[in-house]
Amino acid sequence: MQRLDEVRNMLAEVLGLGERKKFLSADSTLLGALPELDSMAVISVISALEEWFGIAVDDDEINANIFRTLGSLTNFVDQKLA
């Protein structure tokens, strides 16, 4: 649960979600549901993930499934940190 909170906070900061972040749960849809998460924002989120969590994300790892929900994004981070 702690990692989910960390990813939520990072995402909210990068996208400027403000108080809307408290409505994001593991099942919350990201792509298509958050207007702030466009193709340019995805690049910013990936850069922030690398910085916040000290991970490296290769171009071939990036796909829509990772950004489907907050939970899928958190699972991706967990896998990178494992």
Protein backbone atom coordinates (compact mmCIF):
# COMPACT_ATOMS: atom_id res chain seq x y z
CA MET A 1 0.00 0.00 0.00
CA GLN A 2 2.89 2.34 0.71
CA ARG A 3 4.25 2.03 -2.84
CA LEU A 4 0.76 2.77 -4.23
CA ASP A 5 0.72 5.98 -2.18
CA GLU A 6 4.19 6.91 -3.46
CA VAL A 7 3.18 6.36 -7.09
CA ARG A 8 -0.07 8.28 -6.53
CA ASN A 9 1.81 11.22 -5.03
CA MET A 10 4.37 11.24 -7.84
CA LEU A 11 1.65 11.07 -10.49
CA ALA A 12 -0.34 13.85 -8.84
CA GLU A 13 2.71 16.08 -8.68
CA VAL A 14 3.77 15.48 -12.29
CA LEU A 15 0.24 15.91 -13.67
CA GLY A 16 -0.80 18.69 -11.30
CA LEU A 17 -3.83 16.79 -10.01
CA GLY A 18 -4.03 18.63 -6.69
CA GLU A 19 -6.78 17.36 -4.42
CA ARG A 20 -8.08 14.97 -7.09
CA LYS A 21 -5.26 12.60 -6.14
CA LYS A 22 -7.21 11.43 -3.09
CA PHE A 23 -9.82 9.93 -5.42
CA LEU A 24 -7.25 7.70 -7.14
CA SER A 25 -7.29 4.07 -6.02
CA ALA A 26 -5.50 1.02 -7.38
CA ASP A 27 -8.44 0.40 -9.74
CA SER A 28 -8.60 3.97 -11.04
CA THR A 29 -8.25 4.15 -14.80
CA LEU A 30 -5.45 6.46 -15.93
CA LEU A 31 -5.23 6.46 -19.74
CA GLY A 32 -8.37 7.93 -21.19
CA ALA A 33 -9.71 8.99 -17.79
CA LEU A 34 -7.18 11.66 -16.83
CA PRO A 35 -7.10 14.39 -19.47
CA GLU A 36 -3.71 15.48 -18.11
CA LEU A 37 -2.18 12.12 -19.06
CA ASP A 38 -1.53 12.68 -22.75
CA SER A 39 1.39 11.37 -24.80
CA MET A 40 3.72 14.15 -23.65
CA ALA A 41 2.75 13.62 -20.01
CA VAL A 42 3.55 9.90 -20.30
CA ILE A 43 7.15 10.88 -21.05
CA SER A 44 7.19 13.15 -18.01
CA VAL A 45 5.73 10.40 -15.81
CA ILE A 46 8.34 7.91 -17.00
CA SER A 47 11.13 10.39 -16.25
CA ALA A 48 9.64 11.03 -12.80
CA LEU A 49 9.39 7.28 -12.12
CA GLU A 50 13.06 6.88 -12.97
CA GLU A 51 14.01 9.77 -10.73
CA TRP A 52 11.73 9.04 -7.75
CA PHE A 53 12.34 5.31 -7.61
CA GLY A 54 15.87 5.09 -9.02
CA ILE A 55 14.83 2.79 -11.84
CA ALA A 56 15.62 2.71 -15.55
CA VAL A 57 12.79 2.24 -18.03
CA ASP A 58 13.68 1.06 -21.52
CA ASP A 59 11.63 2.27 -24.48
CA ASP A 60 10.53 -1.27 -25.32
CA GLU A 61 9.02 -1.69 -21.83
CA ILE A 62 6.54 1.14 -22.27
CA ASN A 63 3.02 0.19 -23.33
CA ALA A 64 -0.56 1.19 -22.64
CA ASN A 65 -1.09 -1.68 -20.18
CA ILE A 66 1.35 -0.11 -17.74
CA PHE A 67 -0.72 3.08 -17.67
CA ARG A 68 -4.12 1.37 -17.61
CA THR A 69 -4.69 1.87 -13.86
CA LEU A 70 -2.84 3.25 -10.87
CA GLY A 71 -2.43 -0.35 -9.71
CA SER A 72 -0.84 -1.47 -13.00
CA LEU A 73 1.58 1.46 -12.86
CA THR A 74 2.45 0.56 -9.27
CA ASN A 75 2.95 -3.09 -10.23
CA PHE A 76 5.35 -1.98 -12.97
CA VAL A 77 7.38 -0.01 -10.42
CA ASP A 78 7.37 -3.00 -8.03
CA GLN A 79 8.67 -5.27 -10.80
CA LYS A 80 11.42 -2.82 -11.69
CA LEU A 81 12.49 -2.62 -8.04
CA ALA A 82 12.47 -6.40 -7.51
